[in-house]
Each structure stands twice: as structure tokens, then as C-alpha cells.
Amino acid sequence: MNRLSKEDLAQMSQDYFQSLDKQKLLEVAVNLHSLAVEQLEKLEQNSSNSSLPPSSDSLKSKEKLDTEVQQIHSETSENKLEQEVSEESKKPEKRDFKRDCRENK
């Protein structure tokens, strides 16, 4: 089976698949799988994993990258805050010995 065109894809329905014999159905499935893999690989391409220039990166991938970076910074900040709180709880409590002495009298 040759490469599928947009028209070929538009004609494929459940009835179409049910009308195919087993061998032809297998051919169509293999062809659809390779088309899907090819399209996913194209979608995942950007300037960091191909020879494309940075200007070819889509706005959506830049937004996704910015979101991921913000999430990492947020998680890092949360971890630092948790560490600080944990360290504060480990510090010995500051005591006012003069006050303690007056209260004990």
C-alpha cells in the first residue's frame, strides 16, 4: 500500500475497516501506524533536537518550555522553604534566662 493521502484518510470509517479482508486490514493498520509515528516525530522536532533554527520553534513549545521551567523553579522554591522550616524546627529554642529566673522565684 502506498502513502496515505488526506482523501484516503477522510474515506476511512468503521464500515470501511469492517469491509476489508484480514490481509488488507493489516496493511492499512501498518500504514496508519507509520504515518502516526512520522507525524509524532515531526511534532516533537524543535531547535534543541534537530537542525532547525530556534526561530522555527512554535510558540506553543516555547510556552510549554516556559511552563516546565516555572514548575521546576516553583518546586525548587517549595523544597527550599520546606528545608528552611525543617531546619528552624531543629534549632534549639532561644531562651530568656533572666525571665525564666524571675518566673521561677
Protein backbone atom coordinates (compact mmCIF):
# COMPACT_ATOMS: atom_id res chain seq x y z
CA MET A 1 0.00 0.00 0.00
CA ASN A 2 1.28 3.46 -0.90
CA ARG A 3 1.44 6.51 1.29
CA LEU A 4 -1.98 7.59 2.50
CA SER A 5 -3.38 10.91 1.30
CA LYS A 6 -5.72 13.22 3.14
CA GLU A 7 -8.55 11.97 0.92
CA ASP A 8 -7.72 8.35 1.78
CA LEU A 9 -7.91 9.17 5.47
CA ALA A 10 -11.20 11.03 5.03
CA GLN A 11 -12.79 7.94 3.42
CA MET A 12 -11.79 5.59 6.22
CA SER A 13 -14.66 4.77 8.52
CA GLN A 14 -15.70 1.85 10.68
CA ASP A 15 -17.64 0.42 7.72
CA TYR A 16 -14.55 0.68 5.54
CA PHE A 17 -12.39 -1.20 8.05
CA GLN A 18 -15.03 -3.90 8.51
CA SER A 19 -15.23 -4.42 4.74
CA LEU A 20 -11.51 -5.22 4.40
CA ASP A 21 -10.17 -8.76 4.43
CA LYS A 22 -7.67 -9.57 7.16
CA GLN A 23 -4.54 -9.08 5.00
CA LYS A 24 -5.68 -5.71 3.62
CA LEU A 25 -6.72 -4.56 7.11
CA LEU A 26 -3.24 -5.43 8.38
CA GLU A 27 -1.65 -3.41 5.54
CA VAL A 28 -3.82 -0.39 6.33
CA ALA A 29 -3.03 -0.67 10.07
CA VAL A 30 0.72 -0.83 9.40
CA ASN A 31 0.49 2.17 7.08
CA LEU A 32 -1.55 4.16 9.62
CA HIS A 33 0.96 3.28 12.34
CA SER A 34 3.94 4.51 10.30
CA LEU A 35 2.06 7.69 9.41
CA ALA A 36 1.29 8.31 13.09
CA VAL A 37 4.92 7.72 14.13
CA GLU A 38 6.17 10.02 11.38
CA GLN A 39 3.77 12.80 12.39
CA LEU A 40 4.66 12.49 16.09
CA GLU A 41 8.36 12.72 15.28
CA LYS A 42 7.71 15.89 13.25
CA LEU A 43 5.69 17.40 16.09
CA GLU A 44 8.47 16.71 18.59
CA GLN A 45 11.17 18.37 16.48
CA ASN A 46 12.50 21.70 17.64
CA SER A 47 15.78 23.58 17.59
CA SER A 48 17.20 21.62 20.51
CA ASN A 49 16.78 18.15 18.94
CA SER A 50 17.18 18.83 15.20
CA SER A 51 18.95 21.09 12.75
CA LEU A 52 16.02 23.52 12.77
CA PRO A 53 16.80 27.14 13.71
CA PRO A 54 15.37 28.48 17.00
CA SER A 55 13.01 30.76 15.07
CA SER A 56 11.22 27.63 13.81
CA ASP A 57 10.21 26.61 17.34
CA SER A 58 6.49 27.05 17.72
CA LEU A 59 5.07 29.43 20.28
CA LYS A 60 3.29 26.52 21.94
CA SER A 61 6.54 24.62 22.54
CA LYS A 62 8.14 27.79 23.93
CA GLU A 63 5.16 28.26 26.25
CA LYS A 64 5.39 24.62 27.30
CA LEU A 65 9.12 25.00 27.99
CA ASP A 66 8.49 28.20 29.98
CA THR A 67 5.79 26.40 31.98
CA GLU A 68 8.13 23.50 32.70
CA VAL A 69 10.89 25.90 33.80
CA GLN A 70 8.45 27.76 36.07
CA GLN A 71 7.27 24.47 37.54
CA ILE A 72 10.86 23.42 38.26
CA HIS A 73 11.57 26.80 39.91
CA SER A 74 8.37 26.52 41.93
CA GLU A 75 9.25 23.00 43.10
CA THR A 76 12.77 24.15 43.96
CA SER A 77 11.39 27.10 45.95
CA GLU A 78 8.95 24.82 47.76
CA ASN A 79 11.77 22.41 48.62
CA LYS A 80 13.93 25.26 49.93
CA LEU A 81 11.05 26.53 52.06
CA GLU A 82 10.42 23.03 53.43
CA GLN A 83 14.14 22.71 54.24
CA GLU A 84 14.16 26.08 55.99
CA VAL A 85 11.09 25.17 58.05
CA SER A 86 12.63 21.82 58.89
CA GLU A 87 15.91 23.46 59.93
CA GLU A 88 14.05 26.04 62.03
CA SER A 89 12.27 23.29 63.91
CA LYS A 90 15.61 21.59 64.64
CA LYS A 91 17.18 24.74 66.11
CA PRO A 92 17.15 24.92 69.87
CA GLU A 93 14.59 27.30 71.23
CA LYS A 94 16.03 30.65 72.31
CA ARG A 95 15.54 31.06 76.00
CA ASP A 96 15.36 34.21 78.03
CA PHE A 97 17.23 33.14 81.16
CA LYS A 98 16.54 36.37 83.05
CA ARG A 99 12.82 35.94 82.52
CA ASP A 100 13.00 32.25 83.46
CA CYS A 101 14.78 33.13 86.68
CA ARG A 102 12.17 35.73 87.61
CA GLU A 103 9.32 33.30 86.87
CA ASN A 104 10.92 30.58 88.99
CA LYS A 105 11.26 32.77 92.08
